Amino acid sequence: MLRPTATSVFPEDNYILRIVFDNGETKRFDVKPYIQGEWYGKLADKQYFRAVRTDGFTVVWPEGQDLCPDEIYDLGISVNRLQLA
């Protein structure tokens, strides 16, 4: 079975992404552990962090930072649709 792909992403407070996948699941993913070093450290800028988009496969930022699609799906926390209200 193919891994679900990210269809939309919504940046939330505290460096959390809410990601909707093509299988209908929504998950929250904590990006804080990845924000280190010169390359991923750029994500610490909240305005830049909020520039996240999907590329039809995973989540990406304007300068090319991305996250492994397997990680965001496997390590993301499932969101109950009622919690989104």
PDB file of N, CA and C in Angstrom:
ATOM      1  N   MET A   1       0.843  -1.177   0.000  1.00  0.00           N
ATOM      2  CA  MET A   1       0.000   0.000   0.000  1.00  0.00           C
ATOM      3  C   MET A   1       0.889   1.243   0.000  1.00  0.00           C
ATOM      4  N   LEU A   2       0.518   2.231  -0.769  1.00  0.00           N
ATOM      5  CA  LEU A   2       1.281   3.468  -0.825  1.00  0.00           C
ATOM      6  C   LEU A   2       1.030   4.312   0.413  1.00  0.00           C
ATOM      7  N   ARG A   3       2.071   5.000   0.832  1.00  0.00           N
ATOM      8  CA  ARG A   3       1.964   5.913   1.971  1.00  0.00           C
ATOM      9  C   ARG A   3       1.055   7.077   1.579  1.00  0.00           C
ATOM     10  N   PRO A   4       0.130   7.484   2.461  1.00  0.00           N
ATOM     11  CA  PRO A   4      -0.685   8.657   2.155  1.00  0.00           C
ATOM     12  C   PRO A   4       0.189   9.895   1.952  1.00  0.00           C
ATOM     13  N   THR A   5      -0.269  10.787   1.103  1.00  0.00           N
ATOM     14  CA  THR A   5       0.477  12.004   0.825  1.00  0.00           C
ATOM     15  C   THR A   5      -0.243  13.212   1.409  1.00  0.00           C
ATOM     16  N   ALA A   6       0.533  14.247   1.728  1.00  0.00           N
ATOM     17  CA  ALA A   6      -0.014  15.473   2.302  1.00  0.00           C
ATOM     18  C   ALA A   6      -0.719  16.279   1.214  1.00  0.00           C
ATOM     19  N   THR A   7      -1.976  16.634   1.467  1.00  0.00           N
ATOM     20  CA  THR A   7      -2.721  17.428   0.497  1.00  0.00           C
ATOM     21  C   THR A   7      -2.869  18.881   0.940  1.00  0.00           C
ATOM     22  N   SER A   8      -2.835  19.115   2.246  1.00  0.00           N
ATOM     23  CA  SER A   8      -2.861  20.490   2.747  1.00  0.00           C
ATOM     24  C   SER A   8      -2.195  20.526   4.114  1.00  0.00           C
ATOM     25  N   VAL A   9      -1.712  21.717   4.450  1.00  0.00           N
ATOM     26  CA  VAL A   9      -1.004  21.887   5.723  1.00  0.00           C
ATOM     27  C   VAL A   9      -1.374  23.246   6.300  1.00  0.00           C
ATOM     28  N   PHE A  10      -1.531  23.263   7.618  1.00  0.00           N
ATOM     29  CA  PHE A  10      -1.898  24.480   8.335  1.00  0.00           C
ATOM     30  C   PHE A  10      -0.932  24.662   9.503  1.00  0.00           C
ATOM     31  N   PRO A  11      -0.125  25.714   9.487  1.00  0.00           N
ATOM     32  CA  PRO A  11       0.778  25.950  10.612  1.00  0.00           C
ATOM     33  C   PRO A  11      -0.023  26.414  11.822  1.00  0.00           C
ATOM     34  N   GLU A  12       0.329  25.884  12.986  1.00  0.00           N
ATOM     35  CA  GLU A  12      -0.323  26.262  14.230  1.00  0.00           C
ATOM     36  C   GLU A  12       0.714  26.848  15.176  1.00  0.00           C
ATOM     37  N   ASP A  13       0.270  27.302  16.333  1.00  0.00           N
ATOM     38  CA  ASP A  13       1.189  27.849  17.325  1.00  0.00           C
ATOM     39  C   ASP A  13       2.177  26.788  17.796  1.00  0.00           C
ATOM     40  N   ASN A  14       3.287  27.258  18.323  1.00  0.00           N
ATOM     41  CA  ASN A  14       4.291  26.394  18.951  1.00  0.00           C
ATOM     42  C   ASN A  14       4.941  25.410  17.970  1.00  0.00           C
ATOM     43  N   TYR A  15       5.042  25.807  16.695  1.00  0.00           N
ATOM     44  CA  TYR A  15       5.725  25.017  15.661  1.00  0.00           C
ATOM     45  C   TYR A  15       5.080  23.653  15.422  1.00  0.00           C
ATOM     46  N   ILE A  16       3.761  23.663  15.442  1.00  0.00           N
ATOM     47  CA  ILE A  16       2.983  22.458  15.132  1.00  0.00           C
ATOM     48  C   ILE A  16       2.369  22.639  13.746  1.00  0.00           C
ATOM     49  N   LEU A  17       2.383  21.565  12.969  1.00  0.00           N
ATOM     50  CA  LEU A  17       1.695  21.558  11.677  1.00  0.00           C
ATOM     51  C   LEU A  17       0.482  20.653  11.777  1.00  0.00           C
ATOM     52  N   ARG A  18      -0.638  21.098  11.246  1.00  0.00           N
ATOM     53  CA  ARG A  18      -1.817  20.240  11.085  1.00  0.00           C
ATOM     54  C   ARG A  18      -1.836  19.870   9.616  1.00  0.00           C
ATOM     55  N   ILE A  19      -1.727  18.583   9.340  1.00  0.00           N
ATOM     56  CA  ILE A  19      -1.564  18.093   7.974  1.00  0.00           C
ATOM     57  C   ILE A  19      -2.738  17.193   7.609  1.00  0.00           C
ATOM     58  N   VAL A  20      -3.336  17.461   6.458  1.00  0.00           N
ATOM     59  CA  VAL A  20      -4.417  16.631   5.927  1.00  0.00           C
ATOM     60  C   VAL A  20      -3.813  15.752   4.839  1.00  0.00           C
ATOM     61  N   PHE A  21      -4.115  14.463   4.901  1.00  0.00           N
ATOM     62  CA  PHE A  21      -3.577  13.495   3.947  1.00  0.00           C
ATOM     63  C   PHE A  21      -4.655  13.055   2.960  1.00  0.00           C
ATOM     64  N   ASP A  22      -4.206  12.507   1.842  1.00  0.00           N
ATOM     65  CA  ASP A  22      -5.143  12.120   0.778  1.00  0.00           C
ATOM     66  C   ASP A  22      -6.057  10.957   1.150  1.00  0.00           C
ATOM     67  N   ASN A  23      -5.816  10.309   2.267  1.00  0.00           N
ATOM     68  CA  ASN A  23      -6.705   9.245   2.736  1.00  0.00           C
ATOM     69  C   ASN A  23      -7.772   9.785   3.691  1.00  0.00           C
ATOM     70  N   GLY A  24      -7.811  11.121   3.875  1.00  0.00           N
ATOM     71  CA  GLY A  24      -8.806  11.749   4.732  1.00  0.00           C
ATOM     72  C   GLY A  24      -8.360  11.961   6.163  1.00  0.00           C
ATOM     73  N   GLU A  25      -7.222  11.399   6.538  1.00  0.00           N
ATOM     74  CA  GLU A  25      -6.728  11.575   7.905  1.00  0.00           C
ATOM     75  C   GLU A  25      -6.120  12.961   8.096  1.00  0.00           C
ATOM     76  N   THR A  26      -6.251  13.459   9.316  1.00  0.00           N
ATOM     77  CA  THR A  26      -5.607  14.700   9.706  1.00  0.00           C
ATOM     78  C   THR A  26      -4.719  14.396  10.893  1.00  0.00           C
ATOM     79  N   LYS A  27      -3.483  14.898  10.846  1.00  0.00           N
ATOM     80  CA  LYS A  27      -2.537  14.656  11.933  1.00  0.00           C
ATOM     81  C   LYS A  27      -1.835  15.961  12.293  1.00  0.00           C
ATOM     82  N   ARG A  28      -1.423  16.030  13.545  1.00  0.00           N
ATOM     83  CA  ARG A  28      -0.591  17.145  14.003  1.00  0.00           C
ATOM     84  C   ARG A  28       0.829  16.626  14.140  1.00  0.00           C
ATOM     85  N   PHE A  29       1.776  17.458  13.708  1.00  0.00           N
ATOM     86  CA  PHE A  29       3.188  17.074  13.732  1.00  0.00           C
ATOM     87  C   PHE A  29       3.998  18.197  14.370  1.00  0.00           C
ATOM     88  N   ASP A  30       4.781  17.847  15.382  1.00  0.00           N
ATOM     89  CA  ASP A  30       5.620  18.804  16.099  1.00  0.00           C
ATOM     90  C   ASP A  30       6.950  18.959  15.365  1.00  0.00           C
ATOM     91  N   VAL A  31       7.214  20.146  14.871  1.00  0.00           N
ATOM     92  CA  VAL A  31       8.434  20.406  14.101  1.00  0.00           C
ATOM     93  C   VAL A  31       9.599  20.850  14.998  1.00  0.00           C
ATOM     94  N   LYS A  32       9.326  21.199  16.257  1.00  0.00           N
ATOM     95  CA  LYS A  32      10.381  21.736  17.141  1.00  0.00           C
ATOM     96  C   LYS A  32      11.668  20.905  17.161  1.00  0.00           C
ATOM     97  N   PRO A  33      11.613  19.581  17.242  1.00  0.00           N
ATOM     98  CA  PRO A  33      12.863  18.813  17.283  1.00  0.00           C
ATOM     99  C   PRO A  33      13.732  18.956  16.029  1.00  0.00           C
ATOM    100  N   TYR A  34      13.148  19.398  14.938  1.00  0.00           N
ATOM    101  CA  TYR A  34      13.874  19.531  13.674  1.00  0.00           C
ATOM    102  C   TYR A  34      14.503  20.910  13.498  1.00  0.00           C
ATOM    103  N   ILE A  35      14.102  21.858  14.331  1.00  0.00           N
ATOM    104  CA  ILE A  35      14.556  23.241  14.175  1.00  0.00           C
ATOM    105  C   ILE A  35      15.926  23.394  14.837  1.00  0.00           C
ATOM    106  N   GLN A  36      16.945  23.069  14.075  1.00  0.00           N
ATOM    107  CA  GLN A  36      18.316  23.184  14.551  1.00  0.00           C
ATOM    108  C   GLN A  36      19.251  23.256  13.354  1.00  0.00           C
ATOM    109  N   GLY A  37      20.430  23.754  13.586  1.00  0.00           N
ATOM    110  CA  GLY A  37      21.395  23.881  12.508  1.00  0.00           C
ATOM    111  C   GLY A  37      21.062  25.038  11.595  1.00  0.00           C
ATOM    112  N   GLU A  38      21.940  25.272  10.652  1.00  0.00           N
ATOM    113  CA  GLU A  38      21.780  26.410   9.748  1.00  0.00           C
ATOM    114  C   GLU A  38      20.582  26.247   8.817  1.00  0.00           C
ATOM    115  N   TRP A  39      20.386  25.048   8.275  1.00  0.00           N
ATOM    116  CA  TRP A  39      19.343  24.819   7.271  1.00  0.00           C
ATOM    117  C   TRP A  39      17.948  24.811   7.895  1.00  0.00           C
ATOM    118  N   TYR A  40      17.704  23.923   8.840  1.00  0.00           N
ATOM    119  CA  TYR A  40      16.383  23.825   9.457  1.00  0.00           C
ATOM    120  C   TYR A  40      16.168  24.872  10.541  1.00  0.00           C
ATOM    121  N   GLY A  41      17.237  25.497  10.997  1.00  0.00           N
ATOM    122  CA  GLY A  41      17.125  26.570  11.968  1.00  0.00           C
ATOM    123  C   GLY A  41      16.326  27.746  11.441  1.00  0.00           C
ATOM    124  N   LYS A  42      16.257  27.883  10.133  1.00  0.00           N
ATOM    125  CA  LYS A  42      15.466  28.964   9.530  1.00  0.00           C
ATOM    126  C   LYS A  42      13.990  28.850   9.889  1.00  0.00           C
ATOM    127  N   LEU A  43      13.541  27.651  10.230  1.00  0.00           N
ATOM    128  CA  LEU A  43      12.145  27.440  10.590  1.00  0.00           C
ATOM    129  C   LEU A  43      11.791  28.094  11.919  1.00  0.00           C
ATOM    130  N   ALA A  44      12.785  28.495  12.699  1.00  0.00           N
ATOM    131  CA  ALA A  44      12.531  29.166  13.978  1.00  0.00           C
ATOM    132  C   ALA A  44      11.882  30.530  13.770  1.00  0.00           C
ATOM    133  N   ASP A  45      12.101  31.128  12.618  1.00  0.00           N
ATOM    134  CA  ASP A  45      11.447  32.396  12.282  1.00  0.00           C
ATOM    135  C   ASP A  45       9.968  32.083  12.036  1.00  0.00           C
ATOM    136  N   LYS A  46       9.110  32.602  12.909  1.00  0.00           N
ATOM    137  CA  LYS A  46       7.692  32.233  12.841  1.00  0.00           C
ATOM    138  C   LYS A  46       7.035  32.597  11.515  1.00  0.00           C
ATOM    139  N   GLN A  47       7.425  33.710  10.942  1.00  0.00           N
ATOM    140  CA  GLN A  47       6.858  34.095   9.645  1.00  0.00           C
ATOM    141  C   GLN A  47       7.281  33.094   8.569  1.00  0.00           C
ATOM    142  N   TYR A  48       8.541  32.697   8.591  1.00  0.00           N
ATOM    143  CA  TYR A  48       9.028  31.707   7.624  1.00  0.00           C
ATOM    144  C   TYR A  48       8.353  30.349   7.867  1.00  0.00           C
ATOM    145  N   PHE A  49       8.221  29.949   9.135  1.00  0.00           N
ATOM    146  CA  PHE A  49       7.563  28.685   9.468  1.00  0.00           C
ATOM    147  C   PHE A  49       6.158  28.638   8.865  1.00  0.00           C
ATOM    148  N   ARG A  50       5.457  29.761   8.922  1.00  0.00           N
ATOM    149  CA  ARG A  50       4.084  29.834   8.425  1.00  0.00           C
ATOM    150  C   ARG A  50       4.000  29.812   6.896  1.00  0.00           C
ATOM    151  N   ALA A  51       5.129  29.883   6.218  1.00  0.00           N
ATOM    152  CA  ALA A  51       5.150  29.831   4.753  1.00  0.00           C
ATOM    153  C   ALA A  51       5.132  28.393   4.229  1.00  0.00           C
ATOM    154  N   VAL A  52       4.903  27.425   5.083  1.00  0.00           N
ATOM    155  CA  VAL A  52       4.887  26.014   4.703  1.00  0.00           C
ATOM    156  C   VAL A  52       3.771  25.745   3.690  1.00  0.00           C
ATOM    157  N   ARG A  53       4.038  24.842   2.783  1.00  0.00           N
ATOM    158  CA  ARG A  53       3.078  24.421   1.753  1.00  0.00           C
ATOM    159  C   ARG A  53       3.247  22.914   1.524  1.00  0.00           C
ATOM    160  N   THR A  54       2.339  22.344   0.747  1.00  0.00           N
ATOM    161  CA  THR A  54       2.525  20.960   0.306  1.00  0.00           C
ATOM    162  C   THR A  54       2.998  20.983  -1.140  1.00  0.00           C
ATOM    163  N   ASP A  55       3.692  19.931  -1.510  1.00  0.00           N
ATOM    164  CA  ASP A  55       4.148  19.804  -2.897  1.00  0.00           C
ATOM    165  C   ASP A  55       3.464  18.619  -3.582  1.00  0.00           C
ATOM    166  N   GLY A  56       2.360  18.161  -2.989  1.00  0.00           N
ATOM    167  CA  GLY A  56       1.652  16.998  -3.520  1.00  0.00           C
ATOM    168  C   GLY A  56       2.186  15.691  -2.975  1.00  0.00           C
ATOM    169  N   PHE A  57       3.174  15.793  -2.089  1.00  0.00           N
ATOM    170  CA  PHE A  57       3.801  14.605  -1.524  1.00  0.00           C
ATOM    171  C   PHE A  57       4.060  14.780  -0.033  1.00  0.00           C
ATOM    172  N   THR A  58       4.705  15.894   0.313  1.00  0.00           N
ATOM    173  CA  THR A  58       5.059  16.176   1.701  1.00  0.00           C
ATOM    174  C   THR A  58       4.906  17.669   1.953  1.00  0.00           C
ATOM    175  N   VAL A  59       5.460  18.150   3.077  1.00  0.00           N
ATOM    176  CA  VAL A  59       5.413  19.583   3.388  1.00  0.00           C
ATOM    177  C   VAL A  59       6.773  20.197   3.096  1.00  0.00           C
ATOM    178  N   VAL A  60       6.747  21.425   2.555  1.00  0.00           N
ATOM    179  CA  VAL A  60       7.972  22.094   2.131  1.00  0.00           C
ATOM    180  C   VAL A  60       7.898  23.582   2.483  1.00  0.00           C
ATOM    181  N   TRP A  61       9.077  24.206   2.577  1.00  0.00           N
ATOM    182  CA  TRP A  61       9.194  25.639   2.793  1.00  0.00           C
ATOM    183  C   TRP A  61       9.859  26.274   1.577  1.00  0.00           C
ATOM    184  N   PRO A  62       9.760  27.602   1.450  1.00  0.00           N
ATOM    185  CA  PRO A  62      10.221  28.285   0.238  1.00  0.00           C
ATOM    186  C   PRO A  62      11.668  28.027  -0.169  1.00  0.00           C
ATOM    187  N   GLU A  63      12.566  27.849   0.785  1.00  0.00           N
ATOM    188  CA  GLU A  63      13.967  27.651   0.430  1.00  0.00           C
ATOM    189  C   GLU A  63      14.346  26.177   0.273  1.00  0.00           C
ATOM    190  N   GLY A  64      13.356  25.281   0.352  1.00  0.00           N
ATOM    191  CA  GLY A  64      13.616  23.871   0.076  1.00  0.00           C
ATOM    192  C   GLY A  64      13.620  22.950   1.279  1.00  0.00           C
ATOM    193  N   GLN A  65      13.498  23.479   2.475  1.00  0.00           N
ATOM    194  CA  GLN A  65      13.403  22.596   3.631  1.00  0.00           C
ATOM    195  C   GLN A  65      12.141  21.746   3.476  1.00  0.00           C
ATOM    196  N   ASP A  66      12.251  20.496   3.845  1.00  0.00           N
ATOM    197  CA  ASP A  66      11.098  19.611   3.801  1.00  0.00           C
ATOM    198  C   ASP A  66      11.211  18.591   4.914  1.00  0.00           C
ATOM    199  N   LEU A  67      10.149  17.836   5.107  1.00  0.00           N
ATOM    200  CA  LEU A  67      10.136  16.777   6.111  1.00  0.00           C
ATOM    201  C   LEU A  67       9.804  15.462   5.420  1.00  0.00           C
ATOM    202  N   CYS A  68      10.421  14.408   5.884  1.00  0.00           N
ATOM    203  CA  CYS A  68      10.198  13.082   5.315  1.00  0.00           C
ATOM    204  C   CYS A  68       8.712  12.724   5.407  1.00  0.00           C
ATOM    205  N   PRO A  69       8.092  12.385   4.289  1.00  0.00           N
ATOM    206  CA  PRO A  69       6.657  12.074   4.311  1.00  0.00           C
ATOM    207  C   PRO A  69       6.321  10.889   5.213  1.00  0.00           C
ATOM    208  N   ASP A  70       7.211   9.908   5.310  1.00  0.00           N
ATOM    209  CA  ASP A  70       6.960   8.777   6.213  1.00  0.00           C
ATOM    210  C   ASP A  70       6.937   9.237   7.662  1.00  0.00           C
ATOM    211  N   GLU A  71       7.848  10.143   8.023  1.00  0.00           N
ATOM    212  CA  GLU A  71       7.892  10.635   9.399  1.00  0.00           C
ATOM    213  C   GLU A  71       6.653  11.428   9.760  1.00  0.00           C
ATOM    214  N   ILE A  72       6.238  12.340   8.880  1.00  0.00           N
ATOM    215  CA  ILE A  72       5.080  13.160   9.247  1.00  0.00           C
ATOM    216  C   ILE A  72       3.821  12.304   9.369  1.00  0.00           C
ATOM    217  N   TYR A  73       3.737  11.238   8.596  1.00  0.00           N
ATOM    218  CA  TYR A  73       2.569  10.373   8.700  1.00  0.00           C
ATOM    219  C   TYR A  73       2.686   9.437   9.905  1.00  0.00           C
ATOM    220  N   ASP A  74       3.827   8.759  10.036  1.00  0.00           N
ATOM    221  CA  ASP A  74       3.982   7.772  11.106  1.00  0.00           C
ATOM    222  C   ASP A  74       4.072   8.395  12.497  1.00  0.00           C
ATOM    223  N   LEU A  75       4.722   9.546  12.608  1.00  0.00           N
ATOM    224  CA  LEU A  75       4.922  10.167  13.913  1.00  0.00           C
ATOM    225  C   LEU A  75       3.879  11.240  14.234  1.00  0.00           C
ATOM    226  N   GLY A  76       3.073  11.599  13.249  1.00  0.00           N
ATOM    227  CA  GLY A  76       2.023  12.582  13.497  1.00  0.00           C
ATOM    228  C   GLY A  76       0.954  12.016  14.420  1.00  0.00           C
ATOM    229  N   ILE A  77       0.351  12.908  15.192  1.00  0.00           N
ATOM    230  CA  ILE A  77      -0.702  12.524  16.132  1.00  0.00           C
ATOM    231  C   ILE A  77      -2.052  12.711  15.439  1.00  0.00           C
ATOM    232  N   SER A  78      -2.834  11.643  15.386  1.00  0.00           N
ATOM    233  CA  SER A  78      -4.148  11.718  14.743  1.00  0.00           C
ATOM    234  C   SER A  78      -5.020  12.743  15.444  1.00  0.00           C
ATOM    235  N   VAL A  79      -5.769  13.470  14.636  1.00  0.00           N
ATOM    236  CA  VAL A  79      -6.643  14.514  15.143  1.00  0.00           C
ATOM    237  C   VAL A  79      -8.086  14.074  14.973  1.00  0.00           C
ATOM    238  N   ASN A  80      -8.824  14.122  16.049  1.00  0.00           N
ATOM    239  CA  ASN A  80     -10.253  13.853  15.999  1.00  0.00           C
ATOM    240  C   ASN A  80     -10.899  15.082  15.384  1.00  0.00           C
ATOM    241  N   ARG A  81     -11.725  14.903  14.399  1.00  0.00           N
ATOM    242  CA  ARG A  81     -12.360  16.039  13.717  1.00  0.00           C
ATOM    243  C   ARG A  81     -13.086  16.963  14.684  1.00  0.00           C
ATOM    244  N   LEU A  82     -13.602  16.444  15.788  1.00  0.00           N
ATOM    245  CA  LEU A  82     -14.290  17.290  16.766  1.00  0.00           C
ATOM    246  C   LEU A  82     -13.318  18.228  17.464  1.00  0.00           C
ATOM    247  N   GLN A  83     -12.042  17.859  17.550  1.00  0.00           N
ATOM    248  CA  GLN A  83     -11.048  18.692  18.198  1.00  0.00           C
ATOM    249  C   GLN A  83     -10.723  19.918  17.352  1.00  0.00           C
ATOM    250  N   LEU A  84     -11.040  19.897  16.079  1.00  0.00           N
ATOM    251  CA  LEU A  84     -10.711  21.007  15.182  1.00  0.00           C
ATOM    252  C   LEU A  84     -11.692  22.163  15.324  1.00  0.00           C
ATOM    253  N   ALA A  85     -12.839  21.928  15.882  1.00  0.00           N
ATOM    254  CA  ALA A  85     -13.865  22.980  15.991  1.00  0.00           C
ATOM    255  C   ALA A  85     -13.468  24.047  17.000  1.00  0.00           C
TER     256      ALA A  85
END
